[in-house]
């Protein structure tokens, strides 16, 4: 996937930055595709500093546009779903500074999907300005860790990447097996 993104960025010339941001927005709207691949392509294509900055901009715009679209959709549908995560339940009923701080915390916390945080925020009382600032501030540390990890993986030899791939497959198989039992 990263190779395809790299080719798209290379072929888009001067519009590579805009294309990267648009892809990030689409990933955010879909809410289930990890943004790791676009971050990897950005770091690889634009370099660490510029790639990191472009990833932050793309993630921020993606979250803001998703928030707006999700909120419009929630208002039209108005269905209630059960939320099991205590932090997400807290977010649903908060507003103001409490919601602001909770969004930052949830964005930094790596095990809560970004799309879910955006969806719950859109269904809460938090305003779009508070959400936008908190979401962007929370994404910066998470993206920094992600970008640094990507940079280190890109420096590995092919053997290191094969080991990482095999380890990932084994971990996914273990996770899948536990979920089906």
C-alpha atoms as a PDB file:
ATOM      1  CA  UNK A   1       0.000   0.000   0.000  1.00  0.00           C
ATOM      2  CA  UNK A   2       2.842   2.360   0.846  1.00  0.00           C
ATOM      3  CA  UNK A   3       4.444   1.719  -2.573  1.00  0.00           C
ATOM      4  CA  UNK A   4       1.212   2.675  -4.324  1.00  0.00           C
ATOM      5  CA  UNK A   5       0.970   5.859  -2.266  1.00  0.00           C
ATOM      6  CA  UNK A   6       4.598   6.679  -3.068  1.00  0.00           C
ATOM      7  CA  UNK A   7       3.896   6.290  -6.785  1.00  0.00           C
ATOM      8  CA  UNK A   8       0.822   8.506  -6.504  1.00  0.00           C
ATOM      9  CA  UNK A   9       2.837  11.193  -4.719  1.00  0.00           C
ATOM     10  CA  UNK A  10       5.677  10.966  -7.262  1.00  0.00           C
ATOM     11  CA  UNK A  11       3.265  11.229 -10.192  1.00  0.00           C
ATOM     12  CA  UNK A  12       1.356  14.178  -8.746  1.00  0.00           C
ATOM     13  CA  UNK A  13       4.305  16.589  -8.893  1.00  0.00           C
ATOM     14  CA  UNK A  14       3.504  19.931  -7.300  1.00  0.00           C
ATOM     15  CA  UNK A  15       0.183  18.610  -5.998  1.00  0.00           C
ATOM     16  CA  UNK A  16       1.796  15.894  -3.856  1.00  0.00           C
ATOM     17  CA  UNK A  17       1.123  17.769  -0.612  1.00  0.00           C
ATOM     18  CA  UNK A  18      -2.531  18.371  -1.524  1.00  0.00           C
ATOM     19  CA  UNK A  19      -2.944  14.747  -2.589  1.00  0.00           C
ATOM     20  CA  UNK A  20      -1.474  13.516   0.685  1.00  0.00           C
ATOM     21  CA  UNK A  21      -3.842  15.718   2.696  1.00  0.00           C
ATOM     22  CA  UNK A  22      -6.842  14.585   0.609  1.00  0.00           C
ATOM     23  CA  UNK A  23      -5.930  10.923   1.151  1.00  0.00           C
ATOM     24  CA  UNK A  24      -5.655  11.580   4.891  1.00  0.00           C
ATOM     25  CA  UNK A  25      -9.093  13.232   4.886  1.00  0.00           C
ATOM     26  CA  UNK A  26     -10.611  10.241   3.054  1.00  0.00           C
ATOM     27  CA  UNK A  27      -9.003   7.824   5.531  1.00  0.00           C
ATOM     28  CA  UNK A  28     -10.402   9.887   8.417  1.00  0.00           C
ATOM     29  CA  UNK A  29     -13.904   9.986   6.958  1.00  0.00           C
ATOM     30  CA  UNK A  30     -13.927   6.223   6.416  1.00  0.00           C
ATOM     31  CA  UNK A  31     -12.833   5.852  10.038  1.00  0.00           C
ATOM     32  CA  UNK A  32     -11.596   2.261   9.845  1.00  0.00           C
ATOM     33  CA  UNK A  33      -8.448   2.438   7.715  1.00  0.00           C
ATOM     34  CA  UNK A  34      -5.255   3.092   9.695  1.00  0.00           C
ATOM     35  CA  UNK A  35      -3.386   6.227   8.647  1.00  0.00           C
ATOM     36  CA  UNK A  36      -0.034   4.504   9.215  1.00  0.00           C
ATOM     37  CA  UNK A  37       0.436   3.959   5.468  1.00  0.00           C
ATOM     38  CA  UNK A  38       0.025   7.604   4.501  1.00  0.00           C
ATOM     39  CA  UNK A  39       2.320   8.660   7.363  1.00  0.00           C
ATOM     40  CA  UNK A  40       4.919   6.183   6.087  1.00  0.00           C
ATOM     41  CA  UNK A  41       4.589   7.489   2.536  1.00  0.00           C
ATOM     42  CA  UNK A  42       4.836  11.106   3.748  1.00  0.00           C
ATOM     43  CA  UNK A  43       7.991  10.412   5.778  1.00  0.00           C
ATOM     44  CA  UNK A  44       9.539   8.456   2.938  1.00  0.00           C
ATOM     45  CA  UNK A  45       8.614  10.951   0.198  1.00  0.00           C
ATOM     46  CA  UNK A  46       8.882  14.350   1.918  1.00  0.00           C
ATOM     47  CA  UNK A  47      11.478  13.521   4.600  1.00  0.00           C
ATOM     48  CA  UNK A  48      10.915  13.290   8.335  1.00  0.00           C
ATOM     49  CA  UNK A  49      10.183  16.948   9.191  1.00  0.00           C
ATOM     50  CA  UNK A  50       8.042  17.840   6.189  1.00  0.00           C
ATOM     51  CA  UNK A  51       6.342  14.432   6.141  1.00  0.00           C
ATOM     52  CA  UNK A  52       5.483  14.764   9.820  1.00  0.00           C
ATOM     53  CA  UNK A  53       4.068  18.278   9.302  1.00  0.00           C
ATOM     54  CA  UNK A  54       2.021  17.195   6.267  1.00  0.00           C
ATOM     55  CA  UNK A  55       0.698  14.214   8.252  1.00  0.00           C
ATOM     56  CA  UNK A  56      -0.383  16.506  11.108  1.00  0.00           C
ATOM     57  CA  UNK A  57      -2.175  18.827   8.682  1.00  0.00           C
ATOM     58  CA  UNK A  58      -3.851  15.911   6.916  1.00  0.00           C
ATOM     59  CA  UNK A  59      -4.919  14.251  10.170  1.00  0.00           C
ATOM     60  CA  UNK A  60      -6.226  17.553  11.551  1.00  0.00           C
ATOM     61  CA  UNK A  61      -8.263  18.368   8.442  1.00  0.00           C
ATOM     62  CA  UNK A  62      -9.466  14.782   8.286  1.00  0.00           C
ATOM     63  CA  UNK A  63     -10.666  14.826  11.888  1.00  0.00           C
ATOM     64  CA  UNK A  64     -12.395  18.202  11.502  1.00  0.00           C
ATOM     65  CA  UNK A  65     -14.182  17.263   8.274  1.00  0.00           C
ATOM     66  CA  UNK A  66     -15.129  13.844   9.705  1.00  0.00           C
ATOM     67  CA  UNK A  67     -16.467  15.497  12.862  1.00  0.00           C
ATOM     68  CA  UNK A  68     -18.638  17.810  10.798  1.00  0.00           C
ATOM     69  CA  UNK A  69     -19.936  15.006   8.545  1.00  0.00           C
ATOM     70  CA  UNK A  70     -20.502  12.605  11.438  1.00  0.00           C
ATOM     71  CA  UNK A  71     -22.386  15.269  13.375  1.00  0.00           C
ATOM     72  CA  UNK A  72     -24.653  15.940  10.378  1.00  0.00           C
ATOM     73  CA  UNK A  73     -25.264  12.210  10.017  1.00  0.00           C
ATOM     74  CA  UNK A  74     -25.945  11.695  13.718  1.00  0.00           C
ATOM     75  CA  UNK A  75     -28.480  14.505  13.742  1.00  0.00           C
ATOM     76  CA  UNK A  76     -30.296  12.934  10.791  1.00  0.00           C
ATOM     77  CA  UNK A  77     -30.248   9.366  12.078  1.00  0.00           C
ATOM     78  CA  UNK A  78     -30.389   9.956  15.846  1.00  0.00           C
ATOM     79  CA  UNK A  79     -29.812   6.328  16.767  1.00  0.00           C
ATOM     80  CA  UNK A  80     -28.295   5.324  20.061  1.00  0.00           C
ATOM     81  CA  UNK A  81     -25.566   2.715  20.259  1.00  0.00           C
ATOM     82  CA  UNK A  82     -24.105   1.161  23.359  1.00  0.00           C
ATOM     83  CA  UNK A  83     -20.617   2.354  24.238  1.00  0.00           C
ATOM     84  CA  UNK A  84     -18.578   0.007  26.421  1.00  0.00           C
ATOM     85  CA  UNK A  85     -15.406   2.062  26.890  1.00  0.00           C
ATOM     86  CA  UNK A  86     -15.601   4.191  30.045  1.00  0.00           C
ATOM     87  CA  UNK A  87     -13.529   7.027  28.532  1.00  0.00           C
ATOM     88  CA  UNK A  88     -15.717   7.201  25.444  1.00  0.00           C
ATOM     89  CA  UNK A  89     -18.834   7.145  27.656  1.00  0.00           C
ATOM     90  CA  UNK A  90     -17.406  10.093  29.590  1.00  0.00           C
ATOM     91  CA  UNK A  91     -16.734  11.974  26.361  1.00  0.00           C
ATOM     92  CA  UNK A  92     -20.296  11.490  25.152  1.00  0.00           C
ATOM     93  CA  UNK A  93     -21.704  13.446  28.097  1.00  0.00           C
ATOM     94  CA  UNK A  94     -19.061  16.153  28.485  1.00  0.00           C
ATOM     95  CA  UNK A  95     -18.522  19.626  27.118  1.00  0.00           C
ATOM     96  CA  UNK A  96     -16.176  22.565  27.577  1.00  0.00           C
ATOM     97  CA  UNK A  97     -12.756  22.118  29.166  1.00  0.00           C
ATOM     98  CA  UNK A  98     -13.527  18.593  30.361  1.00  0.00           C
ATOM     99  CA  UNK A  99     -14.346  17.449  26.809  1.00  0.00           C
ATOM    100  CA  UNK A 100     -11.293  19.324  25.491  1.00  0.00           C
ATOM    101  CA  UNK A 101      -8.939  17.507  27.880  1.00  0.00           C
ATOM    102  CA  UNK A 102     -10.615  14.148  27.311  1.00  0.00           C
ATOM    103  CA  UNK A 103     -10.265  14.451  23.522  1.00  0.00           C
ATOM    104  CA  UNK A 104      -6.562  15.264  23.885  1.00  0.00           C
ATOM    105  CA  UNK A 105      -6.099  12.241  26.156  1.00  0.00           C
ATOM    106  CA  UNK A 106      -8.023   9.905  23.843  1.00  0.00           C
ATOM    107  CA  UNK A 107      -6.031  11.070  20.814  1.00  0.00           C
ATOM    108  CA  UNK A 108      -2.746  10.382  22.600  1.00  0.00           C
ATOM    109  CA  UNK A 109      -3.884   6.976  23.880  1.00  0.00           C
ATOM    110  CA  UNK A 110      -2.868   4.518  21.129  1.00  0.00           C
ATOM    111  CA  UNK A 111      -5.470   1.783  21.678  1.00  0.00           C
ATOM    112  CA  UNK A 112      -8.617   3.784  20.955  1.00  0.00           C
ATOM    113  CA  UNK A 113      -9.393   4.142  17.239  1.00  0.00           C
ATOM    114  CA  UNK A 114      -9.264   7.716  16.020  1.00  0.00           C
ATOM    115  CA  UNK A 115     -12.487   7.350  14.030  1.00  0.00           C
ATOM    116  CA  UNK A 116     -14.337   6.235  17.149  1.00  0.00           C
ATOM    117  CA  UNK A 117     -13.120   9.265  19.113  1.00  0.00           C
ATOM    118  CA  UNK A 118     -14.318  11.517  16.283  1.00  0.00           C
ATOM    119  CA  UNK A 119     -17.694   9.761  16.070  1.00  0.00           C
ATOM    120  CA  UNK A 120     -18.342   9.948  19.820  1.00  0.00           C
ATOM    121  CA  UNK A 121     -17.181  13.587  19.870  1.00  0.00           C
ATOM    122  CA  UNK A 122     -19.583  14.381  17.022  1.00  0.00           C
ATOM    123  CA  UNK A 123     -22.426  12.899  19.065  1.00  0.00           C
ATOM    124  CA  UNK A 124     -21.454  14.815  22.197  1.00  0.00           C
ATOM    125  CA  UNK A 125     -21.972  18.416  23.246  1.00  0.00           C
ATOM    126  CA  UNK A 126     -18.433  19.501  22.335  1.00  0.00           C
ATOM    127  CA  UNK A 127     -18.162  22.336  19.826  1.00  0.00           C
ATOM    128  CA  UNK A 128     -16.255  22.023  16.575  1.00  0.00           C
ATOM    129  CA  UNK A 129     -13.612  24.589  17.607  1.00  0.00           C
ATOM    130  CA  UNK A 130     -12.854  22.808  20.896  1.00  0.00           C
ATOM    131  CA  UNK A 131     -12.803  19.475  19.085  1.00  0.00           C
ATOM    132  CA  UNK A 132     -10.515  20.776  16.332  1.00  0.00           C
ATOM    133  CA  UNK A 133      -7.909  22.208  18.684  1.00  0.00           C
ATOM    134  CA  UNK A 134      -7.987  19.305  21.159  1.00  0.00           C
ATOM    135  CA  UNK A 135      -7.915  16.703  18.405  1.00  0.00           C
ATOM    136  CA  UNK A 136      -4.942  18.302  16.667  1.00  0.00           C
ATOM    137  CA  UNK A 137      -3.003  18.775  19.921  1.00  0.00           C
ATOM    138  CA  UNK A 138      -3.662  15.156  20.874  1.00  0.00           C
ATOM    139  CA  UNK A 139      -2.622  13.831  17.490  1.00  0.00           C
ATOM    140  CA  UNK A 140       0.807  15.512  17.557  1.00  0.00           C
ATOM    141  CA  UNK A 141       2.452  13.205  20.138  1.00  0.00           C
ATOM    142  CA  UNK A 142       0.805  10.118  18.645  1.00  0.00           C
ATOM    143  CA  UNK A 143       1.935  11.085  15.130  1.00  0.00           C
ATOM    144  CA  UNK A 144       5.435  11.859  16.364  1.00  0.00           C
ATOM    145  CA  UNK A 145       5.745   8.354  17.773  1.00  0.00           C
ATOM    146  CA  UNK A 146       4.249   6.898  14.591  1.00  0.00           C
ATOM    147  CA  UNK A 147       6.524   8.968  12.330  1.00  0.00           C
ATOM    148  CA  UNK A 148       9.636   8.080  14.317  1.00  0.00           C
ATOM    149  CA  UNK A 149       8.701   4.386  14.227  1.00  0.00           C
ATOM    150  CA  UNK A 150       8.143   4.562  10.474  1.00  0.00           C
ATOM    151  CA  UNK A 151      11.470   6.294   9.961  1.00  0.00           C
ATOM    152  CA  UNK A 152      13.264   3.590  11.927  1.00  0.00           C
ATOM    153  CA  UNK A 153      11.509   0.782  10.049  1.00  0.00           C
ATOM    154  CA  UNK A 154      12.395   2.397   6.706  1.00  0.00           C
ATOM    155  CA  UNK A 155      16.057   2.277   7.719  1.00  0.00           C
ATOM    156  CA  UNK A 156      15.931  -1.478   8.392  1.00  0.00           C
ATOM    157  CA  UNK A 157      17.369  -3.961   5.965  1.00  0.00           C
ATOM    158  CA  UNK A 158      15.011  -6.304   4.154  1.00  0.00           C
ATOM    159  CA  UNK A 159      15.686  -8.962   6.814  1.00  0.00           C
ATOM    160  CA  UNK A 160      14.404  -6.694   9.573  1.00  0.00           C
ATOM    161  CA  UNK A 161      11.270  -5.921   7.576  1.00  0.00           C
ATOM    162  CA  UNK A 162      10.649  -9.636   6.968  1.00  0.00           C
ATOM    163  CA  UNK A 163      11.017 -10.327  10.697  1.00  0.00           C
ATOM    164  CA  UNK A 164       8.577  -7.499  11.477  1.00  0.00           C
ATOM    165  CA  UNK A 165       6.118  -8.824   8.886  1.00  0.00           C
ATOM    166  CA  UNK A 166       6.269 -12.376  10.238  1.00  0.00           C
ATOM    167  CA  UNK A 167       5.895 -11.125  13.814  1.00  0.00           C
ATOM    168  CA  UNK A 168       2.853  -9.067  12.791  1.00  0.00           C
ATOM    169  CA  UNK A 169       1.233 -12.052  11.098  1.00  0.00           C
ATOM    170  CA  UNK A 170       1.822 -14.243  14.160  1.00  0.00           C
ATOM    171  CA  UNK A 171       0.370 -11.601  16.499  1.00  0.00           C
ATOM    172  CA  UNK A 172      -2.673 -11.141  14.248  1.00  0.00           C
ATOM    173  CA  UNK A 173      -3.207 -14.912  14.133  1.00  0.00           C
ATOM    174  CA  UNK A 174      -3.029 -15.120  17.940  1.00  0.00           C
ATOM    175  CA  UNK A 175      -5.433 -12.205  18.285  1.00  0.00           C
ATOM    176  CA  UNK A 176      -7.839 -13.709  15.736  1.00  0.00           C
ATOM    177  CA  UNK A 177      -7.719 -17.107  17.433  1.00  0.00           C
ATOM    178  CA  UNK A 178      -8.528 -15.579  20.836  1.00  0.00           C
ATOM    179  CA  UNK A 179     -11.437 -13.626  19.346  1.00  0.00           C
ATOM    180  CA  UNK A 180     -12.977 -16.728  17.763  1.00  0.00           C
ATOM    181  CA  UNK A 181     -12.710 -18.860  20.934  1.00  0.00           C
END
